[in-house]
């Protein structure tokens, strides 16, 4: 049912995606949707929970062998994020655009879902500092926000361009800027 919701919301937007259309796309009766979800907001939050949960799970599998290689771990984070969202423009649209909600409760739920992903980024930065790969003087909070913000903005720009280029081709250039910065 979530894949039907991703398709409908990705094509029509959150507000243009009635439950009845999601149900029709899923091949179920309208009432069946309410057996699994309270409302459309619950569907949207569930899409993010599953998507970010899958991304975190994939990263953790890679992280076991890359924990002592912070640059490789960072590359895995970028790669998994871009590959997951770059494989489905509707999914990317829903997670990057339609989740930009102003409702405080929705923002709180999104923050909870994103926390494990951001913790992995923070752990990677910490390991990089411990290993002497990243500067000891780096502001870790700013670095975490910068990394997440770069991923977020890169995917959003890709969506807004109409996905006219290959998001996956940006993995190495993004990692280069994240690791090497702007320094000559």
Protein backbone atom coordinates (compact mmCIF):
# COMPACT_ATOMS: atom_id res chain seq x y z
CA UNK A 1 0.00 0.00 0.00
CA UNK A 2 2.89 2.36 0.70
CA UNK A 3 4.21 1.92 -2.83
CA UNK A 4 0.79 2.94 -4.16
CA UNK A 5 0.85 6.00 -1.90
CA UNK A 6 4.37 6.88 -3.08
CA UNK A 7 3.24 6.70 -6.70
CA UNK A 8 0.09 8.76 -6.19
CA UNK A 9 1.72 11.37 -3.92
CA UNK A 10 4.80 11.55 -6.12
CA UNK A 11 2.68 12.22 -9.21
CA UNK A 12 -0.04 14.42 -7.67
CA UNK A 13 1.48 15.83 -4.52
CA UNK A 14 0.41 15.23 -0.97
CA UNK A 15 -2.65 17.48 -1.14
CA UNK A 16 -3.63 16.15 -4.57
CA UNK A 17 -3.59 12.52 -3.43
CA UNK A 18 -6.93 11.51 -1.94
CA UNK A 19 -7.09 8.28 0.08
CA UNK A 20 -9.54 6.92 -2.50
CA UNK A 21 -6.95 7.24 -5.26
CA UNK A 22 -4.25 5.62 -3.12
CA UNK A 23 -6.65 2.75 -2.37
CA UNK A 24 -7.51 2.37 -6.06
CA UNK A 25 -3.80 2.30 -6.98
CA UNK A 26 -3.21 -0.34 -4.28
CA UNK A 27 -6.17 -2.36 -5.53
CA UNK A 28 -8.06 -2.20 -2.24
CA UNK A 29 -11.25 -0.61 -0.95
CA UNK A 30 -10.99 2.85 0.60
CA UNK A 31 -11.84 1.49 4.04
CA UNK A 32 -8.97 -0.98 3.88
CA UNK A 33 -6.49 1.91 3.96
CA UNK A 34 -7.90 2.94 7.33
CA UNK A 35 -7.22 -0.50 8.75
CA UNK A 36 -3.50 0.26 8.44
CA UNK A 37 -3.28 4.06 8.64
CA UNK A 38 -5.10 6.70 10.67
CA UNK A 39 -5.06 9.26 7.86
CA UNK A 40 -3.01 10.55 4.95
CA UNK A 41 -0.46 12.16 7.28
CA UNK A 42 0.11 8.75 8.86
CA UNK A 43 0.75 7.31 5.39
CA UNK A 44 3.28 10.07 4.66
CA UNK A 45 5.09 9.51 7.97
CA UNK A 46 5.08 5.74 7.32
CA UNK A 47 6.70 6.27 3.92
CA UNK A 48 9.51 8.25 5.54
CA UNK A 49 9.85 5.76 8.42
CA UNK A 50 10.23 2.82 6.02
CA UNK A 51 12.51 4.68 3.61
CA UNK A 52 14.89 6.09 6.22
CA UNK A 53 14.72 2.81 8.14
CA UNK A 54 15.87 0.95 5.03
CA UNK A 55 18.63 3.48 4.39
CA UNK A 56 19.86 3.23 8.00
CA UNK A 57 19.75 -0.58 7.86
CA UNK A 58 21.80 -0.64 4.65
CA UNK A 59 24.33 1.82 6.09
CA UNK A 60 24.69 -0.19 9.30
CA UNK A 61 25.46 -3.33 7.28
CA UNK A 62 28.22 -1.44 5.45
CA UNK A 63 29.33 0.31 8.62
CA UNK A 64 30.41 -2.90 10.32
CA UNK A 65 33.30 -3.22 7.88
CA UNK A 66 33.93 0.51 7.41
CA UNK A 67 33.81 1.78 10.98
CA UNK A 68 37.59 2.28 11.07
CA UNK A 69 37.59 3.92 7.64
CA UNK A 70 35.58 7.13 8.16
CA UNK A 71 36.01 8.44 4.62
CA UNK A 72 34.78 5.15 3.18
CA UNK A 73 31.92 5.15 5.69
CA UNK A 74 30.96 8.68 4.60
CA UNK A 75 31.07 7.54 0.98
CA UNK A 76 28.76 4.63 1.87
CA UNK A 77 26.30 7.01 3.56
CA UNK A 78 26.17 9.29 0.51
CA UNK A 79 26.01 6.37 -1.89
CA UNK A 80 23.18 4.55 -0.12
CA UNK A 81 21.16 7.76 0.32
CA UNK A 82 21.53 8.77 -3.34
CA UNK A 83 21.01 5.25 -4.70
CA UNK A 84 17.85 4.73 -2.64
CA UNK A 85 16.23 8.02 -3.54
CA UNK A 86 17.73 8.16 -7.04
CA UNK A 87 16.10 4.87 -7.95
CA UNK A 88 12.56 6.24 -7.62
CA UNK A 89 11.74 9.86 -8.38
CA UNK A 90 8.30 9.52 -6.80
CA UNK A 91 9.86 8.29 -3.56
CA UNK A 92 12.43 11.08 -3.66
CA UNK A 93 9.69 13.63 -4.29
CA UNK A 94 7.59 12.40 -1.39
CA UNK A 95 10.48 12.21 1.07
CA UNK A 96 12.20 15.43 0.02
CA UNK A 97 9.37 17.74 -0.99
CA UNK A 98 6.08 16.64 0.52
CA UNK A 99 7.53 16.07 3.96
CA UNK A 100 8.39 19.76 4.26
CA UNK A 101 5.53 20.36 6.65
CA UNK A 102 5.06 23.30 8.95
CA UNK A 103 2.90 21.43 11.47
CA UNK A 104 4.86 21.13 14.72
CA UNK A 105 3.71 17.58 15.45
CA UNK A 106 4.68 16.46 11.94
CA UNK A 107 8.12 18.07 12.35
CA UNK A 108 8.56 16.24 15.67
CA UNK A 109 7.73 12.88 14.07
CA UNK A 110 10.07 13.57 11.16
CA UNK A 111 12.84 14.49 13.61
CA UNK A 112 12.41 11.20 15.45
CA UNK A 113 12.57 9.24 12.20
CA UNK A 114 15.66 11.11 10.99
CA UNK A 115 17.54 10.83 14.30
CA UNK A 116 19.17 7.40 13.61
CA UNK A 117 20.39 8.61 10.21
CA UNK A 118 21.86 11.76 11.73
CA UNK A 119 23.44 9.70 14.52
CA UNK A 120 25.28 7.61 11.93
CA UNK A 121 26.62 10.79 10.36
CA UNK A 122 27.70 12.04 13.80
CA UNK A 123 29.37 8.70 14.60
CA UNK A 124 31.26 8.86 11.29
CA UNK A 125 32.51 12.34 12.10
CA UNK A 126 33.54 11.24 15.61
CA UNK A 127 35.44 8.22 14.22
CA UNK A 128 37.12 10.45 11.67
CA UNK A 129 38.32 12.81 14.39
CA UNK A 130 39.45 9.87 16.58
CA UNK A 131 41.39 8.36 13.67
CA UNK A 132 42.98 11.71 12.79
CA UNK A 133 41.32 11.71 9.37
CA UNK A 134 39.13 14.73 10.19
CA UNK A 135 40.35 17.83 11.99
CA UNK A 136 40.13 17.68 15.77
CA UNK A 137 38.94 21.31 15.82
CA UNK A 138 35.96 20.66 13.58
CA UNK A 139 32.59 21.71 14.98
CA UNK A 140 30.92 18.31 14.90
CA UNK A 141 27.38 19.66 15.07
CA UNK A 142 27.97 21.96 12.11
CA UNK A 143 29.70 19.16 10.20
CA UNK A 144 26.74 16.81 10.78
CA UNK A 145 24.27 19.46 9.65
CA UNK A 146 26.43 20.29 6.65
CA UNK A 147 26.65 16.66 5.54
CA UNK A 148 22.94 16.05 5.96
CA UNK A 149 22.10 19.41 4.38
CA UNK A 150 24.29 18.63 1.39
CA UNK A 151 22.59 15.28 0.83
CA UNK A 152 19.16 16.78 1.31
CA UNK A 153 19.74 19.74 -1.00
CA UNK A 154 21.41 17.63 -3.70
CA UNK A 155 18.43 15.27 -3.88
CA UNK A 156 15.95 18.16 -3.75
CA UNK A 157 17.74 19.97 -6.59
CA UNK A 158 17.71 16.74 -8.61
CA UNK A 159 13.95 16.42 -8.13
CA UNK A 160 13.28 20.06 -8.95
CA UNK A 161 15.32 19.70 -12.16
CA UNK A 162 12.90 16.98 -13.22
CA UNK A 163 15.53 14.32 -12.52
CA UNK A 164 17.24 15.34 -15.76
CA UNK A 165 20.60 13.95 -14.70
CA UNK A 166 21.87 10.88 -12.90
CA UNK A 167 21.83 11.47 -9.13
CA UNK A 168 24.18 8.54 -8.61
CA UNK A 169 26.83 10.27 -10.72
CA UNK A 170 27.03 12.92 -7.97
CA UNK A 171 28.19 10.51 -5.25
CA UNK A 172 31.93 11.04 -5.82
CA UNK A 173 31.78 14.82 -6.41
CA UNK A 174 29.67 15.31 -3.27
CA UNK A 175 32.03 13.13 -1.21
CA UNK A 176 34.99 15.08 -2.56
CA UNK A 177 33.53 18.40 -1.38
CA UNK A 178 32.49 16.92 1.96
CA UNK A 179 35.92 15.44 2.64
CA UNK A 180 38.22 17.96 0.96
CA UNK A 181 36.10 21.10 1.23
CA UNK A 182 37.02 24.19 -0.70
CA UNK A 183 40.66 24.31 0.33
CA UNK A 184 43.21 24.53 -2.49
